[in-house]
Amino acid sequence: MRRTIFEEMKERWPSAVIARTEIEKFTGGALSEKYLSNLDSLGRGPSGRFYMGRRVMYPIDSLLSWLEGRSKKI
């Protein structure tokens, strides 16, 4: 069975959550922290975000589901 790129991303990330400040690292530069912040303010970002201290965090499953929904194969 072949894994998707999203399954590989989840497997390689060391935590169940991702800080918005780490989104560029997590996506290989495909998304920036500022862009994701802008989408969140428009209500178009990943669901389930929460604060941990002053940082905005995303559950990895929610973020990956959102990324998969926004991607298309070319």
C-alpha atoms as a PDB file:
ATOM      1  CA  MET A   1       0.000   0.000   0.000  1.00  0.00           C
ATOM      2  CA  ARG A   2       1.415   3.366  -1.019  1.00  0.00           C
ATOM      3  CA  ARG A   3       1.415   6.189   1.525  1.00  0.00           C
ATOM      4  CA  THR A   4       0.305   9.664   0.579  1.00  0.00           C
ATOM      5  CA  ILE A   5       2.555  12.665   1.023  1.00  0.00           C
ATOM      6  CA  PHE A   6       0.264  13.782   3.851  1.00  0.00           C
ATOM      7  CA  GLU A   7       0.770  10.510   5.712  1.00  0.00           C
ATOM      8  CA  GLU A   8       4.528  10.944   5.311  1.00  0.00           C
ATOM      9  CA  MET A   9       4.344  14.508   6.647  1.00  0.00           C
ATOM     10  CA  LYS A  10       2.469  13.279   9.727  1.00  0.00           C
ATOM     11  CA  GLU A  11       4.889  10.417  10.268  1.00  0.00           C
ATOM     12  CA  ARG A  12       7.935  12.690  10.170  1.00  0.00           C
ATOM     13  CA  TRP A  13       6.561  15.408  12.484  1.00  0.00           C
ATOM     14  CA  PRO A  14       7.535  14.752  16.120  1.00  0.00           C
ATOM     15  CA  SER A  15       4.322  16.039  17.744  1.00  0.00           C
ATOM     16  CA  ALA A  16       0.516  15.800  17.603  1.00  0.00           C
ATOM     17  CA  VAL A  17       0.299  19.582  17.168  1.00  0.00           C
ATOM     18  CA  ILE A  18       1.970  22.170  14.955  1.00  0.00           C
ATOM     19  CA  ALA A  19       2.668  25.774  15.893  1.00  0.00           C
ATOM     20  CA  ARG A  20       1.748  28.324  13.253  1.00  0.00           C
ATOM     21  CA  THR A  21       5.341  29.595  13.485  1.00  0.00           C
ATOM     22  CA  GLU A  22       6.517  26.171  12.221  1.00  0.00           C
ATOM     23  CA  ILE A  23       4.181  25.938   9.229  1.00  0.00           C
ATOM     24  CA  GLU A  24       6.860  26.847   6.669  1.00  0.00           C
ATOM     25  CA  LYS A  25       9.136  24.123   7.997  1.00  0.00           C
ATOM     26  CA  PHE A  26       6.288  21.602   8.093  1.00  0.00           C
ATOM     27  CA  THR A  27       5.114  22.298   4.525  1.00  0.00           C
ATOM     28  CA  GLY A  28       8.566  22.659   2.998  1.00  0.00           C
ATOM     29  CA  GLY A  29       7.967  26.345   2.359  1.00  0.00           C
ATOM     30  CA  ALA A  30       4.610  25.900   0.598  1.00  0.00           C
ATOM     31  CA  LEU A  31       2.787  28.023   3.193  1.00  0.00           C
ATOM     32  CA  SER A  32       4.007  30.902   5.298  1.00  0.00           C
ATOM     33  CA  GLU A  33       3.028  31.802   8.833  1.00  0.00           C
ATOM     34  CA  LYS A  34       1.620  35.129   7.648  1.00  0.00           C
ATOM     35  CA  TYR A  35      -0.482  33.570   4.888  1.00  0.00           C
ATOM     36  CA  LEU A  36      -1.974  31.050   7.311  1.00  0.00           C
ATOM     37  CA  SER A  37      -2.667  33.845   9.785  1.00  0.00           C
ATOM     38  CA  ASN A  38      -4.505  35.776   7.071  1.00  0.00           C
ATOM     39  CA  LEU A  39      -6.581  32.723   6.144  1.00  0.00           C
ATOM     40  CA  ASP A  40      -7.448  32.196   9.817  1.00  0.00           C
ATOM     41  CA  SER A  41      -8.640  35.790  10.135  1.00  0.00           C
ATOM     42  CA  LEU A  42     -10.933  35.233   7.129  1.00  0.00           C
ATOM     43  CA  GLY A  43     -12.284  32.001   8.616  1.00  0.00           C
ATOM     44  CA  ARG A  44     -10.677  29.934   5.852  1.00  0.00           C
ATOM     45  CA  GLY A  45      -7.855  28.313   7.826  1.00  0.00           C
ATOM     46  CA  PRO A  46      -7.694  24.853   9.385  1.00  0.00           C
ATOM     47  CA  SER A  47     -10.300  24.026  12.020  1.00  0.00           C
ATOM     48  CA  GLY A  48      -9.400  23.218  15.602  1.00  0.00           C
ATOM     49  CA  ARG A  49      -6.748  25.872  16.159  1.00  0.00           C
ATOM     50  CA  PHE A  50      -6.046  26.832  19.746  1.00  0.00           C
ATOM     51  CA  TYR A  51      -3.620  28.853  21.813  1.00  0.00           C
ATOM     52  CA  MET A  52      -0.855  27.331  23.880  1.00  0.00           C
ATOM     53  CA  GLY A  53       0.516  30.311  25.730  1.00  0.00           C
ATOM     54  CA  ARG A  54       0.887  32.948  23.026  1.00  0.00           C
ATOM     55  CA  ARG A  55       1.302  30.516  20.160  1.00  0.00           C
ATOM     56  CA  VAL A  56      -1.421  29.452  17.763  1.00  0.00           C
ATOM     57  CA  MET A  57      -1.411  25.679  17.429  1.00  0.00           C
ATOM     58  CA  TYR A  58      -3.128  23.242  15.073  1.00  0.00           C
ATOM     59  CA  PRO A  59      -3.896  19.564  15.652  1.00  0.00           C
ATOM     60  CA  ILE A  60      -1.870  17.717  13.022  1.00  0.00           C
ATOM     61  CA  ASP A  61      -4.826  15.682  11.741  1.00  0.00           C
ATOM     62  CA  SER A  62      -6.942  18.801  11.264  1.00  0.00           C
ATOM     63  CA  LEU A  63      -4.127  20.644   9.507  1.00  0.00           C
ATOM     64  CA  LEU A  64      -3.365  17.727   7.192  1.00  0.00           C
ATOM     65  CA  SER A  65      -7.029  17.284   6.320  1.00  0.00           C
ATOM     66  CA  TRP A  66      -7.212  20.992   5.474  1.00  0.00           C
ATOM     67  CA  LEU A  67      -4.026  20.823   3.383  1.00  0.00           C
ATOM     68  CA  GLU A  68      -5.260  17.772   1.513  1.00  0.00           C
ATOM     69  CA  GLY A  69      -8.557  19.521   0.764  1.00  0.00           C
ATOM     70  CA  ARG A  70      -6.682  22.512  -0.683  1.00  0.00           C
ATOM     71  CA  SER A  71      -4.299  20.498  -2.838  1.00  0.00           C
ATOM     72  CA  LYS A  72      -4.789  19.165  -6.319  1.00  0.00           C
ATOM     73  CA  LYS A  73      -2.808  16.812  -8.471  1.00  0.00           C
ATOM     74  CA  ILE A  74      -1.417  18.248 -11.685  1.00  0.00           C
END
